């Protein structure tokens, strides 16, 4: 279960994930345009270093957030039974 799924109310999960996917698709051409302009200005290696540092900063910012307390819930809002991977084939 992703952080996005944990933080979203079950009745809004489809809308949240749909919006997330739409935003992800919309930023691809913007990123390509910015990456091309930056690579033209500072070179390919410099552009990759800038975008890698931005990605690292975003990862660290999200990684520092505490996870919400409470039981994990499936897409239907029903409490999950056991740990992930447990069950028929799990230990």
PDB file of N, CA and C in Angstrom:
ATOM      1  N   UNK A   1       0.847  -1.165   0.000  1.00  0.00           N
ATOM      2  CA  UNK A   1       0.000   0.000   0.000  1.00  0.00           C
ATOM      3  C   UNK A   1       0.902   1.241   0.000  1.00  0.00           C
ATOM      4  N   UNK A   2       0.602   2.171  -0.869  1.00  0.00           N
ATOM      5  CA  UNK A   2       1.409   3.378  -0.958  1.00  0.00           C
ATOM      6  C   UNK A   2       0.977   4.405   0.080  1.00  0.00           C
ATOM      7  N   UNK A   3       1.817   5.389   0.317  1.00  0.00           N
ATOM      8  CA  UNK A   3       1.489   6.469   1.238  1.00  0.00           C
ATOM      9  C   UNK A   3       0.246   7.204   0.756  1.00  0.00           C
ATOM     10  N   UNK A   4       0.149   7.390  -0.536  1.00  0.00           N
ATOM     11  CA  UNK A   4      -1.003   8.069  -1.113  1.00  0.00           C
ATOM     12  C   UNK A   4      -2.296   7.305  -0.819  1.00  0.00           C
ATOM     13  N   UNK A   5      -2.245   5.998  -0.898  1.00  0.00           N
ATOM     14  CA  UNK A   5      -3.418   5.188  -0.608  1.00  0.00           C
ATOM     15  C   UNK A   5      -3.755   5.216   0.878  1.00  0.00           C
ATOM     16  N   UNK A   6      -2.749   5.270   1.728  1.00  0.00           N
ATOM     17  CA  UNK A   6      -2.995   5.312   3.166  1.00  0.00           C
ATOM     18  C   UNK A   6      -3.612   6.632   3.596  1.00  0.00           C
ATOM     19  N   UNK A   7      -3.214   7.724   2.955  1.00  0.00           N
ATOM     20  CA  UNK A   7      -3.678   9.042   3.366  1.00  0.00           C
ATOM     21  C   UNK A   7      -5.021   9.418   2.758  1.00  0.00           C
ATOM     22  N   UNK A   8      -5.440   8.723   1.715  1.00  0.00           N
ATOM     23  CA  UNK A   8      -6.686   9.062   1.027  1.00  0.00           C
ATOM     24  C   UNK A   8      -7.869   8.339   1.655  1.00  0.00           C
ATOM     25  N   UNK A   9      -8.985   9.029   1.828  1.00  0.00           N
ATOM     26  CA  UNK A   9     -10.186   8.336   2.304  1.00  0.00           C
ATOM     27  C   UNK A   9     -10.613   7.294   1.258  1.00  0.00           C
ATOM     28  N   UNK A  10     -11.076   6.128   1.685  1.00  0.00           N
ATOM     29  CA  UNK A  10     -11.420   5.069   0.731  1.00  0.00           C
ATOM     30  C   UNK A  10     -12.415   5.509  -0.333  1.00  0.00           C
ATOM     31  N   UNK A  11     -13.377   6.360   0.032  1.00  0.00           N
ATOM     32  CA  UNK A  11     -14.382   6.790  -0.950  1.00  0.00           C
ATOM     33  C   UNK A  11     -13.824   7.780  -1.965  1.00  0.00           C
ATOM     34  N   UNK A  12     -12.661   8.355  -1.706  1.00  0.00           N
ATOM     35  CA  UNK A  12     -12.041   9.316  -2.616  1.00  0.00           C
ATOM     36  C   UNK A  12     -10.818   8.748  -3.335  1.00  0.00           C
ATOM     37  N   UNK A  13     -10.477   7.497  -3.079  1.00  0.00           N
ATOM     38  CA  UNK A  13      -9.233   6.927  -3.581  1.00  0.00           C
ATOM     39  C   UNK A  13      -9.146   6.949  -5.102  1.00  0.00           C
ATOM     40  N   UNK A  14     -10.210   6.619  -5.792  1.00  0.00           N
ATOM     41  CA  UNK A  14     -10.189   6.635  -7.254  1.00  0.00           C
ATOM     42  C   UNK A  14      -9.912   8.015  -7.813  1.00  0.00           C
ATOM     43  N   UNK A  15     -10.521   9.008  -7.226  1.00  0.00           N
ATOM     44  CA  UNK A  15     -10.303  10.387  -7.681  1.00  0.00           C
ATOM     45  C   UNK A  15      -8.884  10.852  -7.395  1.00  0.00           C
ATOM     46  N   UNK A  16      -8.388  10.512  -6.227  1.00  0.00           N
ATOM     47  CA  UNK A  16      -7.029  10.923  -5.856  1.00  0.00           C
ATOM     48  C   UNK A  16      -6.005  10.281  -6.788  1.00  0.00           C
ATOM     49  N   UNK A  17      -6.139   8.982  -7.017  1.00  0.00           N
ATOM     50  CA  UNK A  17      -5.183   8.295  -7.888  1.00  0.00           C
ATOM     51  C   UNK A  17      -5.310   8.759  -9.337  1.00  0.00           C
ATOM     52  N   UNK A  18      -6.531   9.036  -9.791  1.00  0.00           N
ATOM     53  CA  UNK A  18      -6.722   9.560 -11.142  1.00  0.00           C
ATOM     54  C   UNK A  18      -6.079  10.928 -11.323  1.00  0.00           C
ATOM     55  N   UNK A  19      -6.242  11.788 -10.333  1.00  0.00           N
ATOM     56  CA  UNK A  19      -5.619  13.111 -10.392  1.00  0.00           C
ATOM     57  C   UNK A  19      -4.102  13.000 -10.361  1.00  0.00           C
ATOM     58  N   UNK A  20      -3.592  12.114  -9.526  1.00  0.00           N
ATOM     59  CA  UNK A  20      -2.149  11.913  -9.451  1.00  0.00           C
ATOM     60  C   UNK A  20      -1.579  11.441 -10.783  1.00  0.00           C
ATOM     61  N   UNK A  21      -2.272  10.521 -11.415  1.00  0.00           N
ATOM     62  CA  UNK A  21      -1.806  10.023 -12.710  1.00  0.00           C
ATOM     63  C   UNK A  21      -1.873  11.116 -13.772  1.00  0.00           C
ATOM     64  N   UNK A  22      -2.943  11.904 -13.756  1.00  0.00           N
ATOM     65  CA  UNK A  22      -3.076  12.995 -14.728  1.00  0.00           C
ATOM     66  C   UNK A  22      -1.960  14.019 -14.561  1.00  0.00           C
ATOM     67  N   UNK A  23      -1.675  14.399 -13.333  1.00  0.00           N
ATOM     68  CA  UNK A  23      -0.602  15.363 -13.086  1.00  0.00           C
ATOM     69  C   UNK A  23       0.736  14.786 -13.531  1.00  0.00           C
ATOM     70  N   UNK A  24       0.950  13.508 -13.260  1.00  0.00           N
ATOM     71  CA  UNK A  24       2.186  12.863 -13.686  1.00  0.00           C
ATOM     72  C   UNK A  24       2.373  12.884 -15.194  1.00  0.00           C
ATOM     73  N   UNK A  25       1.282  12.692 -15.928  1.00  0.00           N
ATOM     74  CA  UNK A  25       1.372  12.723 -17.386  1.00  0.00           C
ATOM     75  C   UNK A  25       1.538  14.142 -17.922  1.00  0.00           C
ATOM     76  N   UNK A  26       0.953  15.111 -17.239  1.00  0.00           N
ATOM     77  CA  UNK A  26       1.027  16.491 -17.711  1.00  0.00           C
ATOM     78  C   UNK A  26       2.397  17.127 -17.505  1.00  0.00           C
ATOM     79  N   UNK A  27       3.144  16.684 -16.508  1.00  0.00           N
ATOM     80  CA  UNK A  27       4.431  17.316 -16.250  1.00  0.00           C
ATOM     81  C   UNK A  27       5.559  16.764 -17.122  1.00  0.00           C
ATOM     82  N   UNK A  28       5.319  15.665 -17.844  1.00  0.00           N
ATOM     83  CA  UNK A  28       6.369  15.090 -18.691  1.00  0.00           C
ATOM     84  C   UNK A  28       6.841  16.083 -19.756  1.00  0.00           C
ATOM     85  N   UNK A  29       5.950  16.700 -20.544  1.00  0.00           N
ATOM     86  CA  UNK A  29       6.458  17.657 -21.543  1.00  0.00           C
ATOM     87  C   UNK A  29       7.109  18.888 -20.922  1.00  0.00           C
ATOM     88  N   UNK A  30       6.610  19.323 -19.771  1.00  0.00           N
ATOM     89  CA  UNK A  30       7.212  20.480 -19.096  1.00  0.00           C
ATOM     90  C   UNK A  30       8.632  20.132 -18.645  1.00  0.00           C
ATOM     91  N   UNK A  31       8.804  18.936 -18.081  1.00  0.00           N
ATOM     92  CA  UNK A  31      10.130  18.494 -17.654  1.00  0.00           C
ATOM     93  C   UNK A  31      11.091  18.354 -18.816  1.00  0.00           C
ATOM     94  N   UNK A  32      10.585  17.863 -19.956  1.00  0.00           N
ATOM     95  CA  UNK A  32      11.438  17.735 -21.135  1.00  0.00           C
ATOM     96  C   UNK A  32      11.889  19.110 -21.630  1.00  0.00           C
ATOM     97  N   UNK A  33      10.982  20.062 -21.619  1.00  0.00           N
ATOM     98  CA  UNK A  33      11.315  21.422 -22.050  1.00  0.00           C
ATOM     99  C   UNK A  33      12.343  22.058 -21.120  1.00  0.00           C
ATOM    100  N   UNK A  34      12.101  21.942 -19.812  1.00  0.00           N
ATOM    101  CA  UNK A  34      13.050  22.500 -18.843  1.00  0.00           C
ATOM    102  C   UNK A  34      14.400  21.780 -18.893  1.00  0.00           C
ATOM    103  N   UNK A  35      14.363  20.465 -19.032  1.00  0.00           N
ATOM    104  CA  UNK A  35      15.608  19.702 -19.113  1.00  0.00           C
ATOM    105  C   UNK A  35      16.422  20.065 -20.336  1.00  0.00           C
ATOM    106  N   UNK A  36      15.762  20.245 -21.472  1.00  0.00           N
ATOM    107  CA  UNK A  36      16.466  20.642 -22.691  1.00  0.00           C
ATOM    108  C   UNK A  36      17.078  22.022 -22.571  1.00  0.00           C
ATOM    109  N   UNK A  37      16.324  22.947 -21.995  1.00  0.00           N
ATOM    110  CA  UNK A  37      16.847  24.305 -21.818  1.00  0.00           C
ATOM    111  C   UNK A  37      18.022  24.317 -20.842  1.00  0.00           C
ATOM    112  N   UNK A  38      17.890  23.571 -19.755  1.00  0.00           N
ATOM    113  CA  UNK A  38      18.976  23.521 -18.769  1.00  0.00           C
ATOM    114  C   UNK A  38      20.209  22.826 -19.337  1.00  0.00           C
ATOM    115  N   UNK A  39      20.001  21.750 -20.099  1.00  0.00           N
ATOM    116  CA  UNK A  39      21.134  21.049 -20.714  1.00  0.00           C
ATOM    117  C   UNK A  39      21.846  21.944 -21.724  1.00  0.00           C
ATOM    118  N   UNK A  40      21.090  22.779 -22.427  1.00  0.00           N
ATOM    119  CA  UNK A  40      21.710  23.720 -23.349  1.00  0.00           C
ATOM    120  C   UNK A  40      22.533  24.772 -22.638  1.00  0.00           C
ATOM    121  N   UNK A  41      22.118  25.128 -21.429  1.00  0.00           N
ATOM    122  CA  UNK A  41      22.816  26.175 -20.685  1.00  0.00           C
ATOM    123  C   UNK A  41      24.025  25.650 -19.911  1.00  0.00           C
ATOM    124  N   UNK A  42      23.890  24.511 -19.238  1.00  0.00           N
ATOM    125  CA  UNK A  42      24.964  24.029 -18.367  1.00  0.00           C
ATOM    126  C   UNK A  42      25.531  22.683 -18.799  1.00  0.00           C
ATOM    127  N   UNK A  43      25.021  22.094 -19.850  1.00  0.00           N
ATOM    128  CA  UNK A  43      25.494  20.791 -20.303  1.00  0.00           C
ATOM    129  C   UNK A  43      24.645  19.662 -19.738  1.00  0.00           C
ATOM    130  N   UNK A  44      24.774  18.510 -20.362  1.00  0.00           N
ATOM    131  CA  UNK A  44      23.968  17.362 -19.977  1.00  0.00           C
ATOM    132  C   UNK A  44      24.266  16.896 -18.558  1.00  0.00           C
ATOM    133  N   UNK A  45      25.529  16.802 -18.207  1.00  0.00           N
ATOM    134  CA  UNK A  45      25.902  16.335 -16.873  1.00  0.00           C
ATOM    135  C   UNK A  45      25.404  17.292 -15.802  1.00  0.00           C
ATOM    136  N   UNK A  46      25.520  18.572 -16.047  1.00  0.00           N
ATOM    137  CA  UNK A  46      25.028  19.565 -15.084  1.00  0.00           C
ATOM    138  C   UNK A  46      23.525  19.500 -14.920  1.00  0.00           C
ATOM    139  N   UNK A  47      22.806  19.324 -16.031  1.00  0.00           N
ATOM    140  CA  UNK A  47      21.344  19.228 -15.963  1.00  0.00           C
ATOM    141  C   UNK A  47      20.923  17.991 -15.186  1.00  0.00           C
ATOM    142  N   UNK A  48      21.588  16.868 -15.427  1.00  0.00           N
ATOM    143  CA  UNK A  48      21.266  15.647 -14.688  1.00  0.00           C
ATOM    144  C   UNK A  48      21.554  15.814 -13.200  1.00  0.00           C
ATOM    145  N   UNK A  49      22.638  16.499 -12.873  1.00  0.00           N
ATOM    146  CA  UNK A  49      22.978  16.728 -11.465  1.00  0.00           C
ATOM    147  C   UNK A  49      21.925  17.605 -10.790  1.00  0.00           C
ATOM    148  N   UNK A  50      21.450  18.618 -11.485  1.00  0.00           N
ATOM    149  CA  UNK A  50      20.424  19.503 -10.909  1.00  0.00           C
ATOM    150  C   UNK A  50      19.142  18.722 -10.656  1.00  0.00           C
ATOM    151  N   UNK A  51      18.684  17.970 -11.657  1.00  0.00           N
ATOM    152  CA  UNK A  51      17.430  17.233 -11.493  1.00  0.00           C
ATOM    153  C   UNK A  51      17.574  16.090 -10.489  1.00  0.00           C
ATOM    154  N   UNK A  52      18.738  15.472 -10.398  1.00  0.00           N
ATOM    155  CA  UNK A  52      18.953  14.427  -9.397  1.00  0.00           C
ATOM    156  C   UNK A  52      18.909  15.012  -7.987  1.00  0.00           C
ATOM    157  N   UNK A  53      19.466  16.200  -7.805  1.00  0.00           N
ATOM    158  CA  UNK A  53      19.431  16.820  -6.478  1.00  0.00           C
ATOM    159  C   UNK A  53      18.009  17.235  -6.104  1.00  0.00           C
ATOM    160  N   UNK A  54      17.224  17.679  -7.074  1.00  0.00           N
ATOM    161  CA  UNK A  54      15.818  18.013  -6.811  1.00  0.00           C
ATOM    162  C   UNK A  54      15.046  16.753  -6.411  1.00  0.00           C
ATOM    163  N   UNK A  55      15.276  15.652  -7.131  1.00  0.00           N
ATOM    164  CA  UNK A  55      14.602  14.393  -6.810  1.00  0.00           C
ATOM    165  C   UNK A  55      15.006  13.894  -5.426  1.00  0.00           C
ATOM    166  N   UNK A  56      16.273  14.016  -5.090  1.00  0.00           N
ATOM    167  CA  UNK A  56      16.746  13.592  -3.769  1.00  0.00           C
ATOM    168  C   UNK A  56      16.127  14.446  -2.666  1.00  0.00           C
ATOM    169  N   UNK A  57      16.060  15.750  -2.885  1.00  0.00           N
ATOM    170  CA  UNK A  57      15.461  16.640  -1.887  1.00  0.00           C
ATOM    171  C   UNK A  57      13.987  16.301  -1.677  1.00  0.00           C
ATOM    172  N   UNK A  58      13.276  16.015  -2.746  1.00  0.00           N
ATOM    173  CA  UNK A  58      11.864  15.628  -2.618  1.00  0.00           C
ATOM    174  C   UNK A  58      11.698  14.318  -1.886  1.00  0.00           C
ATOM    175  N   UNK A  59      12.568  13.361  -2.183  1.00  0.00           N
ATOM    176  CA  UNK A  59      12.508  12.066  -1.506  1.00  0.00           C
ATOM    177  C   UNK A  59      12.776  12.222  -0.019  1.00  0.00           C
ATOM    178  N   UNK A  60      13.760  13.018   0.338  1.00  0.00           N
ATOM    179  CA  UNK A  60      14.073  13.236   1.752  1.00  0.00           C
ATOM    180  C   UNK A  60      12.943  13.956   2.469  1.00  0.00           C
ATOM    181  N   UNK A  61      12.306  14.904   1.798  1.00  0.00           N
ATOM    182  CA  UNK A  61      11.201  15.640   2.416  1.00  0.00           C
ATOM    183  C   UNK A  61      10.025  14.715   2.701  1.00  0.00           C
ATOM    184  N   UNK A  62       9.703  13.845   1.767  1.00  0.00           N
ATOM    185  CA  UNK A  62       8.589  12.918   1.963  1.00  0.00           C
ATOM    186  C   UNK A  62       8.972  11.827   2.961  1.00  0.00           C
ATOM    187  N   UNK A  63      10.209  11.385   2.927  1.00  0.00           N
ATOM    188  CA  UNK A  63      10.661  10.326   3.818  1.00  0.00           C
ATOM    189  C   UNK A  63      10.689  10.727   5.277  1.00  0.00           C
ATOM    190  N   UNK A  64      10.727  12.001   5.556  1.00  0.00           N
ATOM    191  CA  UNK A  64      10.763  12.473   6.941  1.00  0.00           C
ATOM    192  C   UNK A  64       9.381  12.555   7.566  1.00  0.00           C
ATOM    193  N   UNK A  65       8.327  12.479   6.750  1.00  0.00           N
ATOM    194  CA  UNK A  65       6.964  12.534   7.279  1.00  0.00           C
ATOM    195  C   UNK A  65       6.632  11.240   8.007  1.00  0.00           C
ATOM    196  N   UNK A  66       6.030  11.324   9.174  1.00  0.00           N
ATOM    197  CA  UNK A  66       5.629  10.087   9.856  1.00  0.00           C
ATOM    198  C   UNK A  66       4.441   9.450   9.143  1.00  0.00           C
ATOM    199  N   UNK A  67       4.421   8.137   9.130  1.00  0.00           N
ATOM    200  CA  UNK A  67       3.295   7.432   8.542  1.00  0.00           C
ATOM    201  C   UNK A  67       2.093   7.540   9.466  1.00  0.00           C
ATOM    202  N   UNK A  68       0.891   7.586   8.896  1.00  0.00           N
ATOM    203  CA  UNK A  68      -0.288   7.669   9.752  1.00  0.00           C
ATOM    204  C   UNK A  68      -0.456   6.391  10.568  1.00  0.00           C
ATOM    205  N   UNK A  69      -0.915   6.542  11.779  1.00  0.00           N
ATOM    206  CA  UNK A  69      -1.149   5.376  12.638  1.00  0.00           C
ATOM    207  C   UNK A  69      -2.460   4.723  12.250  1.00  0.00           C
ATOM    208  N   UNK A  70      -2.598   3.495  12.622  1.00  0.00           N
ATOM    209  CA  UNK A  70      -3.844   2.796  12.359  1.00  0.00           C
ATOM    210  C   UNK A  70      -3.625   1.618  11.445  1.00  0.00           C
ATOM    211  N   UNK A  71      -4.621   0.763  11.355  1.00  0.00           N
ATOM    212  CA  UNK A  71      -4.479  -0.437  10.535  1.00  0.00           C
ATOM    213  C   UNK A  71      -4.472  -0.104   9.048  1.00  0.00           C
ATOM    214  N   UNK A  72      -3.756  -0.927   8.293  1.00  0.00           N
ATOM    215  CA  UNK A  72      -3.760  -0.767   6.840  1.00  0.00           C
ATOM    216  C   UNK A  72      -5.131  -1.171   6.320  1.00  0.00           C
ATOM    217  N   UNK A  73      -5.603  -0.472   5.321  1.00  0.00           N
ATOM    218  CA  UNK A  73      -6.908  -0.772   4.739  1.00  0.00           C
ATOM    219  C   UNK A  73      -6.740  -1.033   3.252  1.00  0.00           C
ATOM    220  N   UNK A  74      -7.551  -1.926   2.749  1.00  0.00           N
ATOM    221  CA  UNK A  74      -7.548  -2.232   1.325  1.00  0.00           C
ATOM    222  C   UNK A  74      -8.306  -1.170   0.559  1.00  0.00           C
ATOM    223  N   UNK A  75      -8.418  -1.326  -0.756  1.00  0.00           N
ATOM    224  CA  UNK A  75      -9.094  -0.334  -1.597  1.00  0.00           C
ATOM    225  C   UNK A  75     -10.557  -0.158  -1.219  1.00  0.00           C
ATOM    226  N   UNK A  76     -11.184  -1.202  -0.738  1.00  0.00           N
ATOM    227  CA  UNK A  76     -12.593  -1.114  -0.392  1.00  0.00           C
ATOM    228  C   UNK A  76     -12.814  -0.499   0.981  1.00  0.00           C
ATOM    229  N   UNK A  77     -11.739  -0.206   1.701  1.00  0.00           N
ATOM    230  CA  UNK A  77     -11.859   0.346   3.028  1.00  0.00           C
ATOM    231  C   UNK A  77     -11.938  -0.723   4.103  1.00  0.00           C
ATOM    232  N   UNK A  78     -11.882  -1.980   3.701  1.00  0.00           N
ATOM    233  CA  UNK A  78     -11.950  -3.092   4.641  1.00  0.00           C
ATOM    234  C   UNK A  78     -10.566  -3.327   5.230  1.00  0.00           C
ATOM    235  N   UNK A  79     -10.519  -3.545   6.540  1.00  0.00           N
ATOM    236  CA  UNK A  79      -9.241  -3.776   7.195  1.00  0.00           C
ATOM    237  C   UNK A  79      -8.574  -5.016   6.617  1.00  0.00           C
ATOM    238  N   UNK A  80      -7.282  -4.885   6.285  1.00  0.00           N
ATOM    239  CA  UNK A  80      -6.527  -6.001   5.717  1.00  0.00           C
ATOM    240  C   UNK A  80      -6.297  -7.069   6.784  1.00  0.00           C
ATOM    241  N   UNK A  81      -6.298  -8.310   6.375  1.00  0.00           N
ATOM    242  CA  UNK A  81      -6.071  -9.426   7.290  1.00  0.00           C
ATOM    243  C   UNK A  81      -4.608  -9.824   7.250  1.00  0.00           C
ATOM    244  N   UNK A  82      -3.891  -9.629   8.320  1.00  0.00           N
ATOM    245  CA  UNK A  82      -2.494 -10.053   8.400  1.00  0.00           C
ATOM    246  C   UNK A  82      -1.565  -9.125   7.661  1.00  0.00           C
ATOM    247  N   UNK A  83      -0.322  -9.521   7.652  1.00  0.00           N
ATOM    248  CA  UNK A  83       0.721  -8.725   7.001  1.00  0.00           C
ATOM    249  C   UNK A  83       0.726  -8.999   5.510  1.00  0.00           C
ATOM    250  N   UNK A  84       1.325  -8.116   4.764  1.00  0.00           N
ATOM    251  CA  UNK A  84       1.450  -8.305   3.315  1.00  0.00           C
ATOM    252  C   UNK A  84       2.263  -9.548   3.056  1.00  0.00           C
ATOM    253  N   UNK A  85       1.802 -10.374   2.154  1.00  0.00           N
ATOM    254  CA  UNK A  85       2.525 -11.590   1.795  1.00  0.00           C
ATOM    255  C   UNK A  85       2.108 -12.786   2.631  1.00  0.00           C
ATOM    256  N   UNK A  86       1.409 -12.547   3.721  1.00  0.00           N
ATOM    257  CA  UNK A  86       0.971 -13.673   4.550  1.00  0.00           C
ATOM    258  C   UNK A  86      -0.275 -14.288   3.930  1.00  0.00           C
ATOM    259  N   UNK A  87      -0.503 -15.498   4.207  1.00  0.00           N
ATOM    260  CA  UNK A  87      -1.686 -16.151   3.687  1.00  0.00           C
ATOM    261  C   UNK A  87      -1.338 -17.465   3.048  1.00  0.00           C
ATOM    262  N   UNK A  88      -1.949 -17.743   1.909  1.00  0.00           N
ATOM    263  CA  UNK A  88      -1.799 -19.035   1.251  1.00  0.00           C
ATOM    264  C   UNK A  88      -0.334 -19.382   0.988  1.00  0.00           C
ATOM    265  N   UNK A  89       0.439 -18.419   0.480  1.00  0.00           N
ATOM    266  CA  UNK A  89       1.825 -18.693   0.129  1.00  0.00           C
ATOM    267  C   UNK A  89       2.808 -18.080   1.106  1.00  0.00           C
ATOM    268  N   UNK A  90       2.330 -17.216   2.010  1.00  0.00           N
ATOM    269  CA  UNK A  90       3.218 -16.546   2.954  1.00  0.00           C
ATOM    270  C   UNK A  90       3.514 -17.436   4.142  1.00  0.00           C
ATOM    271  N   UNK A  91       4.375 -16.940   5.012  1.00  0.00           N
ATOM    272  CA  UNK A  91       4.804 -17.709   6.159  1.00  0.00           C
ATOM    273  C   UNK A  91       3.936 -17.603   7.346  1.00  0.00           C
TER     274      UNK A  91
END
